[in-house]
Amino acid sequence: MNKAELVDIVAKNASTTKKDAETIINSMMETIIKSVASGEKVTLVGFGTFEARQRKARQGRNPKTNEVLHIPAKRVPGFRVGKEFSEAVNKKK
């Protein structure tokens, strides 16, 4: 499923226009991104938790030249799935 298909389904389920559904989805995504970028956790009970995680600096290798490279520390986005989401995915058909 892509974003356009998600907008169509949300608009249908919420009995609203596609434009309104797209505005809501975009606003939700922007809010989550801004919150996680500022260091906050965003928890949607039953769905999951979005958070920033710290990766340590490490050494890597260029696969073409086998040269050792320094990979700096950085923050990356992370997602931990919620119980209900996990159970729905693992539900027997």
PDB file of N, CA and C in Angstrom:
ATOM      1  N   MET A   1       0.849  -1.169   0.000  1.00  0.00           N
ATOM      2  CA  MET A   1       0.000   0.000   0.000  1.00  0.00           C
ATOM      3  C   MET A   1       0.894   1.231   0.000  1.00  0.00           C
ATOM      4  N   ASN A   2       0.550   2.198  -0.826  1.00  0.00           N
ATOM      5  CA  ASN A   2       1.286   3.454  -0.827  1.00  0.00           C
ATOM      6  C   ASN A   2       0.436   4.547  -0.187  1.00  0.00           C
ATOM      7  N   LYS A   3       0.979   5.765  -0.145  1.00  0.00           N
ATOM      8  CA  LYS A   3       0.293   6.857   0.545  1.00  0.00           C
ATOM      9  C   LYS A   3      -1.063   7.183  -0.103  1.00  0.00           C
ATOM     10  N   ALA A   4      -1.119   7.183  -1.423  1.00  0.00           N
ATOM     11  CA  ALA A   4      -2.376   7.499  -2.116  1.00  0.00           C
ATOM     12  C   ALA A   4      -3.467   6.480  -1.767  1.00  0.00           C
ATOM     13  N   GLU A   5      -3.087   5.210  -1.705  1.00  0.00           N
ATOM     14  CA  GLU A   5      -4.051   4.172  -1.345  1.00  0.00           C
ATOM     15  C   GLU A   5      -4.493   4.326   0.108  1.00  0.00           C
ATOM     16  N   LEU A   6      -3.558   4.693   0.990  1.00  0.00           N
ATOM     17  CA  LEU A   6      -3.894   4.937   2.386  1.00  0.00           C
ATOM     18  C   LEU A   6      -4.887   6.094   2.507  1.00  0.00           C
ATOM     19  N   VAL A   7      -4.647   7.165   1.764  1.00  0.00           N
ATOM     20  CA  VAL A   7      -5.556   8.318   1.776  1.00  0.00           C
ATOM     21  C   VAL A   7      -6.950   7.888   1.340  1.00  0.00           C
ATOM     22  N   ASP A   8      -7.036   7.096   0.278  1.00  0.00           N
ATOM     23  CA  ASP A   8      -8.342   6.619  -0.207  1.00  0.00           C
ATOM     24  C   ASP A   8      -9.089   5.830   0.871  1.00  0.00           C
ATOM     25  N   ILE A   9      -8.391   4.921   1.545  1.00  0.00           N
ATOM     26  CA  ILE A   9      -9.023   4.085   2.571  1.00  0.00           C
ATOM     27  C   ILE A   9      -9.450   4.920   3.770  1.00  0.00           C
ATOM     28  N   VAL A  10      -8.584   5.839   4.214  1.00  0.00           N
ATOM     29  CA  VAL A  10      -8.920   6.691   5.363  1.00  0.00           C
ATOM     30  C   VAL A  10     -10.120   7.571   5.019  1.00  0.00           C
ATOM     31  N   ALA A  11     -10.140   8.140   3.828  1.00  0.00           N
ATOM     32  CA  ALA A  11     -11.267   8.989   3.415  1.00  0.00           C
ATOM     33  C   ALA A  11     -12.568   8.200   3.415  1.00  0.00           C
ATOM     34  N   LYS A  12     -12.510   6.983   2.919  1.00  0.00           N
ATOM     35  CA  LYS A  12     -13.711   6.143   2.870  1.00  0.00           C
ATOM     36  C   LYS A  12     -14.172   5.765   4.282  1.00  0.00           C
ATOM     37  N   ASN A  13     -13.231   5.306   5.125  1.00  0.00           N
ATOM     38  CA  ASN A  13     -13.587   4.869   6.483  1.00  0.00           C
ATOM     39  C   ASN A  13     -14.051   6.014   7.376  1.00  0.00           C
ATOM     40  N   ALA A  14     -13.534   7.211   7.150  1.00  0.00           N
ATOM     41  CA  ALA A  14     -13.892   8.364   7.972  1.00  0.00           C
ATOM     42  C   ALA A  14     -15.025   9.186   7.352  1.00  0.00           C
ATOM     43  N   SER A  15     -15.525   8.741   6.227  1.00  0.00           N
ATOM     44  CA  SER A  15     -16.590   9.468   5.512  1.00  0.00           C
ATOM     45  C   SER A  15     -16.227  10.937   5.315  1.00  0.00           C
ATOM     46  N   THR A  16     -15.043  11.156   4.747  1.00  0.00           N
ATOM     47  CA  THR A  16     -14.556  12.506   4.496  1.00  0.00           C
ATOM     48  C   THR A  16     -13.962  12.557   3.095  1.00  0.00           C
ATOM     49  N   THR A  17     -13.551  13.732   2.676  1.00  0.00           N
ATOM     50  CA  THR A  17     -12.966  13.865   1.343  1.00  0.00           C
ATOM     51  C   THR A  17     -11.530  13.372   1.344  1.00  0.00           C
ATOM     52  N   LYS A  18     -11.032  13.043   0.161  1.00  0.00           N
ATOM     53  CA  LYS A  18      -9.645  12.611   0.038  1.00  0.00           C
ATOM     54  C   LYS A  18      -8.697  13.739   0.430  1.00  0.00           C
ATOM     55  N   LYS A  19      -9.060  14.957   0.104  1.00  0.00           N
ATOM     56  CA  LYS A  19      -8.221  16.108   0.433  1.00  0.00           C
ATOM     57  C   LYS A  19      -8.090  16.265   1.950  1.00  0.00           C
ATOM     58  N   ASP A  20      -9.209  16.137   2.671  1.00  0.00           N
ATOM     59  CA  ASP A  20      -9.174  16.238   4.134  1.00  0.00           C
ATOM     60  C   ASP A  20      -8.374  15.082   4.743  1.00  0.00           C
ATOM     61  N   ALA A  21      -8.557  13.883   4.212  1.00  0.00           N
ATOM     62  CA  ALA A  21      -7.826  12.723   4.715  1.00  0.00           C
ATOM     63  C   ALA A  21      -6.323  12.900   4.493  1.00  0.00           C
ATOM     64  N   GLU A  22      -5.946  13.409   3.325  1.00  0.00           N
ATOM     65  CA  GLU A  22      -4.529  13.635   3.035  1.00  0.00           C
ATOM     66  C   GLU A  22      -3.938  14.696   3.956  1.00  0.00           C
ATOM     67  N   THR A  23      -4.702  15.751   4.243  1.00  0.00           N
ATOM     68  CA  THR A  23      -4.247  16.798   5.156  1.00  0.00           C
ATOM     69  C   THR A  23      -4.014  16.223   6.553  1.00  0.00           C
ATOM     70  N   ILE A  24      -4.907  15.388   7.013  1.00  0.00           N
ATOM     71  CA  ILE A  24      -4.779  14.776   8.336  1.00  0.00           C
ATOM     72  C   ILE A  24      -3.561  13.852   8.389  1.00  0.00           C
ATOM     73  N   ILE A  25      -3.393  13.008   7.380  1.00  0.00           N
ATOM     74  CA  ILE A  25      -2.256  12.088   7.347  1.00  0.00           C
ATOM     75  C   ILE A  25      -0.940  12.858   7.287  1.00  0.00           C
ATOM     76  N   ASN A  26      -0.865  13.886   6.447  1.00  0.00           N
ATOM     77  CA  ASN A  26       0.356  14.700   6.344  1.00  0.00           C
ATOM     78  C   ASN A  26       0.667  15.391   7.667  1.00  0.00           C
ATOM     79  N   SER A  27      -0.357  15.915   8.315  1.00  0.00           N
ATOM     80  CA  SER A  27      -0.168  16.594   9.596  1.00  0.00           C
ATOM     81  C   SER A  27       0.341  15.619  10.655  1.00  0.00           C
ATOM     82  N   MET A  28      -0.206  14.414  10.672  1.00  0.00           N
ATOM     83  CA  MET A  28       0.229  13.400  11.625  1.00  0.00           C
ATOM     84  C   MET A  28       1.688  13.032  11.389  1.00  0.00           C
ATOM     85  N   MET A  29       2.054  12.817  10.146  1.00  0.00           N
ATOM     86  CA  MET A  29       3.431  12.454   9.820  1.00  0.00           C
ATOM     87  C   MET A  29       4.408  13.577  10.184  1.00  0.00           C
ATOM     88  N   GLU A  30       4.062  14.805   9.860  1.00  0.00           N
ATOM     89  CA  GLU A  30       4.925  15.951  10.178  1.00  0.00           C
ATOM     90  C   GLU A  30       5.107  16.091  11.686  1.00  0.00           C
ATOM     91  N   THR A  31       4.036  15.907  12.441  1.00  0.00           N
ATOM     92  CA  THR A  31       4.091  16.025  13.900  1.00  0.00           C
ATOM     93  C   THR A  31       4.990  14.945  14.496  1.00  0.00           C
ATOM     94  N   ILE A  32       4.857  13.717  14.015  1.00  0.00           N
ATOM     95  CA  ILE A  32       5.707  12.627  14.507  1.00  0.00           C
ATOM     96  C   ILE A  32       7.162  12.908  14.179  1.00  0.00           C
ATOM     97  N   ILE A  33       7.447  13.323  12.957  1.00  0.00           N
ATOM     98  CA  ILE A  33       8.820  13.606  12.538  1.00  0.00           C
ATOM     99  C   ILE A  33       9.430  14.723  13.379  1.00  0.00           C
ATOM    100  N   LYS A  34       8.707  15.817  13.561  1.00  0.00           N
ATOM    101  CA  LYS A  34       9.227  16.939  14.350  1.00  0.00           C
ATOM    102  C   LYS A  34       9.456  16.539  15.804  1.00  0.00           C
ATOM    103  N   SER A  35       8.537  15.778  16.369  1.00  0.00           N
ATOM    104  CA  SER A  35       8.663  15.361  17.764  1.00  0.00           C
ATOM    105  C   SER A  35       9.861  14.447  17.968  1.00  0.00           C
ATOM    106  N   VAL A  36      10.022  13.464  17.113  1.00  0.00           N
ATOM    107  CA  VAL A  36      11.145  12.529  17.234  1.00  0.00           C
ATOM    108  C   VAL A  36      12.466  13.257  16.979  1.00  0.00           C
ATOM    109  N   ALA A  37      12.492  14.174  16.009  1.00  0.00           N
ATOM    110  CA  ALA A  37      13.709  14.936  15.718  1.00  0.00           C
ATOM    111  C   ALA A  37      14.130  15.798  16.902  1.00  0.00           C
ATOM    112  N   SER A  38      13.165  16.246  17.709  1.00  0.00           N
ATOM    113  CA  SER A  38      13.491  17.075  18.869  1.00  0.00           C
ATOM    114  C   SER A  38      13.792  16.235  20.115  1.00  0.00           C
ATOM    115  N   GLY A  39      13.777  14.903  19.974  1.00  0.00           N
ATOM    116  CA  GLY A  39      14.153  14.030  21.081  1.00  0.00           C
ATOM    117  C   GLY A  39      12.998  13.432  21.863  1.00  0.00           C
ATOM    118  N   GLU A  40      11.776  13.717  21.466  1.00  0.00           N
ATOM    119  CA  GLU A  40      10.612  13.169  22.169  1.00  0.00           C
ATOM    120  C   GLU A  40      10.255  11.783  21.638  1.00  0.00           C
ATOM    121  N   LYS A  41       9.610  10.995  22.482  1.00  0.00           N
ATOM    122  CA  LYS A  41       9.024   9.730  22.051  1.00  0.00           C
ATOM    123  C   LYS A  41       7.569   9.993  21.687  1.00  0.00           C
ATOM    124  N   VAL A  42       7.097   9.329  20.658  1.00  0.00           N
ATOM    125  CA  VAL A  42       5.694   9.411  20.279  1.00  0.00           C
ATOM    126  C   VAL A  42       5.121   8.002  20.400  1.00  0.00           C
ATOM    127  N   THR A  43       4.188   7.823  21.339  1.00  0.00           N
ATOM    128  CA  THR A  43       3.599   6.512  21.587  1.00  0.00           C
ATOM    129  C   THR A  43       2.145   6.513  21.161  1.00  0.00           C
ATOM    130  N   LEU A  44       1.810   5.602  20.270  1.00  0.00           N
ATOM    131  CA  LEU A  44       0.432   5.388  19.847  1.00  0.00           C
ATOM    132  C   LEU A  44       0.052   4.018  20.404  1.00  0.00           C
ATOM    133  N   VAL A  45      -0.692   4.013  21.504  1.00  0.00           N
ATOM    134  CA  VAL A  45      -1.009   2.783  22.223  1.00  0.00           C
ATOM    135  C   VAL A  45      -1.640   1.766  21.273  1.00  0.00           C
ATOM    136  N   GLY A  46      -1.089   0.563  21.284  1.00  0.00           N
ATOM    137  CA  GLY A  46      -1.576  -0.505  20.428  1.00  0.00           C
ATOM    138  C   GLY A  46      -0.891  -0.541  19.076  1.00  0.00           C
ATOM    139  N   PHE A  47      -0.334   0.586  18.642  1.00  0.00           N
ATOM    140  CA  PHE A  47       0.337   0.658  17.341  1.00  0.00           C
ATOM    141  C   PHE A  47       1.847   0.555  17.499  1.00  0.00           C
ATOM    142  N   GLY A  48       2.419   1.480  18.290  1.00  0.00           N
ATOM    143  CA  GLY A  48       3.858   1.426  18.508  1.00  0.00           C
ATOM    144  C   GLY A  48       4.420   2.742  19.003  1.00  0.00           C
ATOM    145  N   THR A  49       5.750   2.773  19.148  1.00  0.00           N
ATOM    146  CA  THR A  49       6.448   3.942  19.658  1.00  0.00           C
ATOM    147  C   THR A  49       7.536   4.357  18.682  1.00  0.00           C
ATOM    148  N   PHE A  50       7.537   5.630  18.325  1.00  0.00           N
ATOM    149  CA  PHE A  50       8.573   6.217  17.481  1.00  0.00           C
ATOM    150  C   PHE A  50       9.544   6.939  18.407  1.00  0.00           C
ATOM    151  N   GLU A  51      10.852   6.782  18.169  1.00  0.00           N
ATOM    152  CA  GLU A  51      11.838   7.456  19.001  1.00  0.00           C
ATOM    153  C   GLU A  51      13.145   7.598  18.237  1.00  0.00           C
ATOM    154  N   ALA A  52      13.989   8.524  18.702  1.00  0.00           N
ATOM    155  CA  ALA A  52      15.326   8.685  18.135  1.00  0.00           C
ATOM    156  C   ALA A  52      16.269   7.788  18.923  1.00  0.00           C
ATOM    157  N   ARG A  53      17.151   7.098  18.213  1.00  0.00           N
ATOM    158  CA  ARG A  53      18.136   6.229  18.846  1.00  0.00           C
ATOM    159  C   ARG A  53      19.531   6.700  18.457  1.00  0.00           C
ATOM    160  N   GLN A  54      20.467   6.510  19.369  1.00  0.00           N
ATOM    161  CA  GLN A  54      21.845   6.938  19.135  1.00  0.00           C
ATOM    162  C   GLN A  54      22.666   5.754  18.627  1.00  0.00           C
ATOM    163  N   ARG A  55      23.342   5.946  17.502  1.00  0.00           N
ATOM    164  CA  ARG A  55      24.277   4.936  16.999  1.00  0.00           C
ATOM    165  C   ARG A  55      25.689   5.395  17.335  1.00  0.00           C
ATOM    166  N   LYS A  56      26.513   4.491  17.818  1.00  0.00           N
ATOM    167  CA  LYS A  56      27.893   4.802  18.168  1.00  0.00           C
ATOM    168  C   LYS A  56      28.746   4.917  16.902  1.00  0.00           C
ATOM    169  N   ALA A  57      29.851   5.657  17.024  1.00  0.00           N
ATOM    170  CA  ALA A  57      30.818   5.724  15.935  1.00  0.00           C
ATOM    171  C   ALA A  57      31.432   4.332  15.762  1.00  0.00           C
ATOM    172  N   ARG A  58      31.799   4.008  14.536  1.00  0.00           N
ATOM    173  CA  ARG A  58      32.373   2.688  14.281  1.00  0.00           C
ATOM    174  C   ARG A  58      33.253   2.731  13.040  1.00  0.00           C
ATOM    175  N   GLN A  59      33.946   1.646  12.819  1.00  0.00           N
ATOM    176  CA  GLN A  59      34.757   1.535  11.626  1.00  0.00           C
ATOM    177  C   GLN A  59      34.038   0.653  10.624  1.00  0.00           C
ATOM    178  N   GLY A  60      34.154   1.027   9.364  1.00  0.00           N
ATOM    179  CA  GLY A  60      33.567   0.241   8.293  1.00  0.00           C
ATOM    180  C   GLY A  60      34.603   0.050   7.204  1.00  0.00           C
ATOM    181  N   ARG A  61      34.228  -0.604   6.142  1.00  0.00           N
ATOM    182  CA  ARG A  61      35.148  -0.824   5.022  1.00  0.00           C
ATOM    183  C   ARG A  61      34.459  -0.487   3.712  1.00  0.00           C
ATOM    184  N   ASN A  62      35.221   0.129   2.815  1.00  0.00           N
ATOM    185  CA  ASN A  62      34.754   0.361   1.460  1.00  0.00           C
ATOM    186  C   ASN A  62      34.839  -0.983   0.745  1.00  0.00           C
ATOM    187  N   PRO A  63      33.719  -1.528   0.271  1.00  0.00           N
ATOM    188  CA  PRO A  63      33.752  -2.860  -0.328  1.00  0.00           C
ATOM    189  C   PRO A  63      34.580  -2.936  -1.623  1.00  0.00           C
ATOM    190  N   LYS A  64      34.730  -1.816  -2.328  1.00  0.00           N
ATOM    191  CA  LYS A  64      35.510  -1.832  -3.576  1.00  0.00           C
ATOM    192  C   LYS A  64      37.007  -1.842  -3.309  1.00  0.00           C
ATOM    193  N   THR A  65      37.444  -0.981  -2.365  1.00  0.00           N
ATOM    194  CA  THR A  65      38.881  -0.813  -2.138  1.00  0.00           C
ATOM    195  C   THR A  65      39.366  -1.497  -0.859  1.00  0.00           C
ATOM    196  N   ASN A  66      38.445  -1.967  -0.053  1.00  0.00           N
ATOM    197  CA  ASN A  66      38.759  -2.582   1.245  1.00  0.00           C
ATOM    198  C   ASN A  66      39.408  -1.576   2.212  1.00  0.00           C
ATOM    199  N   GLU A  67      39.274  -0.290   1.907  1.00  0.00           N
ATOM    200  CA  GLU A  67      39.820   0.775   2.749  1.00  0.00           C
ATOM    201  C   GLU A  67      38.979   0.929   4.016  1.00  0.00           C
ATOM    202  N   VAL A  68      39.656   1.099   5.159  1.00  0.00           N
ATOM    203  CA  VAL A  68      38.967   1.289   6.435  1.00  0.00           C
ATOM    204  C   VAL A  68      38.424   2.715   6.485  1.00  0.00           C
ATOM    205  N   LEU A  69      37.153   2.849   6.857  1.00  0.00           N
ATOM    206  CA  LEU A  69      36.497   4.154   6.949  1.00  0.00           C
ATOM    207  C   LEU A  69      36.003   4.385   8.365  1.00  0.00           C
ATOM    208  N   HIS A  70      35.985   5.648   8.777  1.00  0.00           N
ATOM    209  CA  HIS A  70      35.397   6.004  10.069  1.00  0.00           C
ATOM    210  C   HIS A  70      33.956   6.430   9.822  1.00  0.00           C
ATOM    211  N   ILE A  71      33.032   5.770  10.469  1.00  0.00           N
ATOM    212  CA  ILE A  71      31.617   6.118  10.365  1.00  0.00           C
ATOM    213  C   ILE A  71      31.255   6.833  11.663  1.00  0.00           C
ATOM    214  N   PRO A  72      30.877   8.118  11.587  1.00  0.00           N
ATOM    215  CA  PRO A  72      30.618   8.897  12.802  1.00  0.00           C
ATOM    216  C   PRO A  72      29.337   8.472  13.523  1.00  0.00           C
ATOM    217  N   ALA A  73      29.253   8.829  14.786  1.00  0.00           N
ATOM    218  CA  ALA A  73      28.035   8.588  15.567  1.00  0.00           C
ATOM    219  C   ALA A  73      26.908   9.442  15.002  1.00  0.00           C
ATOM    220  N   LYS A  74      25.694   8.942  15.107  1.00  0.00           N
ATOM    221  CA  LYS A  74      24.545   9.721  14.648  1.00  0.00           C
ATOM    222  C   LYS A  74      23.271   9.219  15.300  1.00  0.00           C
ATOM    223  N   ARG A  75      22.242  10.052  15.207  1.00  0.00           N
ATOM    224  CA  ARG A  75      20.918   9.666  15.694  1.00  0.00           C
ATOM    225  C   ARG A  75      20.117   9.154  14.518  1.00  0.00           C
ATOM    226  N   VAL A  76      19.357   8.082  14.760  1.00  0.00           N
ATOM    227  CA  VAL A  76      18.520   7.508  13.711  1.00  0.00           C
ATOM    228  C   VAL A  76      17.110   7.302  14.265  1.00  0.00           C
ATOM    229  N   PRO A  77      16.092   7.377  13.417  1.00  0.00           N
ATOM    230  CA  PRO A  77      14.743   7.113  13.896  1.00  0.00           C
ATOM    231  C   PRO A  77      14.544   5.621  14.142  1.00  0.00           C
ATOM    232  N   GLY A  78      13.748   5.308  15.158  1.00  0.00           N
ATOM    233  CA  GLY A  78      13.450   3.922  15.465  1.00  0.00           C
ATOM    234  C   GLY A  78      11.972   3.750  15.747  1.00  0.00           C
ATOM    235  N   PHE A  79      11.495   2.536  15.557  1.00  0.00           N
ATOM    236  CA  PHE A  79      10.092   2.219  15.810  1.00  0.00           C
ATOM    237  C   PHE A  79      10.021   0.895  16.546  1.00  0.00           C
ATOM    238  N   ARG A  80       9.278   0.877  17.634  1.00  0.00           N
ATOM    239  CA  ARG A  80       9.042  -0.358  18.393  1.00  0.00           C
ATOM    240  C   ARG A  80       7.548  -0.663  18.274  1.00  0.00           C
ATOM    241  N   VAL A  81       7.235  -1.817  17.739  1.00  0.00           N
ATOM    242  CA  VAL A  81       5.852  -2.181  17.463  1.00  0.00           C
ATOM    243  C   VAL A  81       5.074  -2.406  18.758  1.00  0.00           C
ATOM    244  N   GLY A  82       3.793  -2.046  18.746  1.00  0.00           N
ATOM    245  CA  GLY A  82       2.911  -2.241  19.893  1.00  0.00           C
ATOM    246  C   GLY A  82       2.343  -3.651  19.930  1.00  0.00           C
ATOM    247  N   LYS A  83       1.828  -4.023  21.078  1.00  0.00           N
ATOM    248  CA  LYS A  83       1.320  -5.379  21.297  1.00  0.00           C
ATOM    249  C   LYS A  83       0.176  -5.737  20.339  1.00  0.00           C
ATOM    250  N   GLU A  84      -0.807  -4.855  20.212  1.00  0.00           N
ATOM    251  CA  GLU A  84      -1.957  -5.149  19.352  1.00  0.00           C
ATOM    252  C   GLU A  84      -1.545  -5.290  17.890  1.00  0.00           C
ATOM    253  N   PHE A  85      -0.639  -4.415  17.437  1.00  0.00           N
ATOM    254  CA  PHE A  85      -0.136  -4.465  16.072  1.00  0.00           C
ATOM    255  C   PHE A  85       0.585  -5.795  15.842  1.00  0.00           C
ATOM    256  N   SER A  86       1.453  -6.159  16.775  1.00  0.00           N
ATOM    257  CA  SER A  86       2.213  -7.401  16.673  1.00  0.00           C
ATOM    258  C   SER A  86       1.284  -8.613  16.633  1.00  0.00           C
ATOM    259  N   GLU A  87       0.299  -8.610  17.492  1.00  0.00           N
ATOM    260  CA  GLU A  87      -0.641  -9.729  17.547  1.00  0.00           C
ATOM    261  C   GLU A  87      -1.452  -9.832  16.256  1.00  0.00           C
ATOM    262  N   ALA A  88      -1.828  -8.689  15.674  1.00  0.00           N
ATOM    263  CA  ALA A  88      -2.597  -8.698  14.430  1.00  0.00           C
ATOM    264  C   ALA A  88      -1.773  -9.265  13.281  1.00  0.00           C
ATOM    265  N   VAL A  89      -0.489  -8.944  13.262  1.00  0.00           N
ATOM    266  CA  VAL A  89       0.395  -9.447  12.196  1.00  0.00           C
ATOM    267  C   VAL A  89       0.619 -10.947  12.350  1.00  0.00           C
ATOM    268  N   ASN A  90       0.715 -11.416  13.585  1.00  0.00           N
ATOM    269  CA  ASN A  90       0.996 -12.824  13.838  1.00  0.00           C
ATOM    270  C   ASN A  90      -0.241 -13.700  13.972  1.00  0.00           C
ATOM    271  N   LYS A  91      -1.424 -13.097  13.790  1.00  0.00           N
ATOM    272  CA  LYS A  91      -2.676 -13.833  13.915  1.00  0.00           C
ATOM    273  C   LYS A  91      -2.770 -14.921  12.844  1.00  0.00           C
ATOM    274  N   LYS A  92      -3.171 -16.087  13.268  1.00  0.00           N
ATOM    275  CA  LYS A  92      -3.360 -17.208  12.330  1.00  0.00           C
ATOM    276  C   LYS A  92      -4.587 -16.937  11.463  1.00  0.00           C
ATOM    277  N   LYS A  93      -4.467 -17.236  10.181  1.00  0.00           N
ATOM    278  CA  LYS A  93      -5.578 -17.002   9.254  1.00  0.00           C
ATOM    279  C   LYS A  93      -6.515 -18.167   9.221  1.00  0.00           C
TER     280      LYS A  93
END
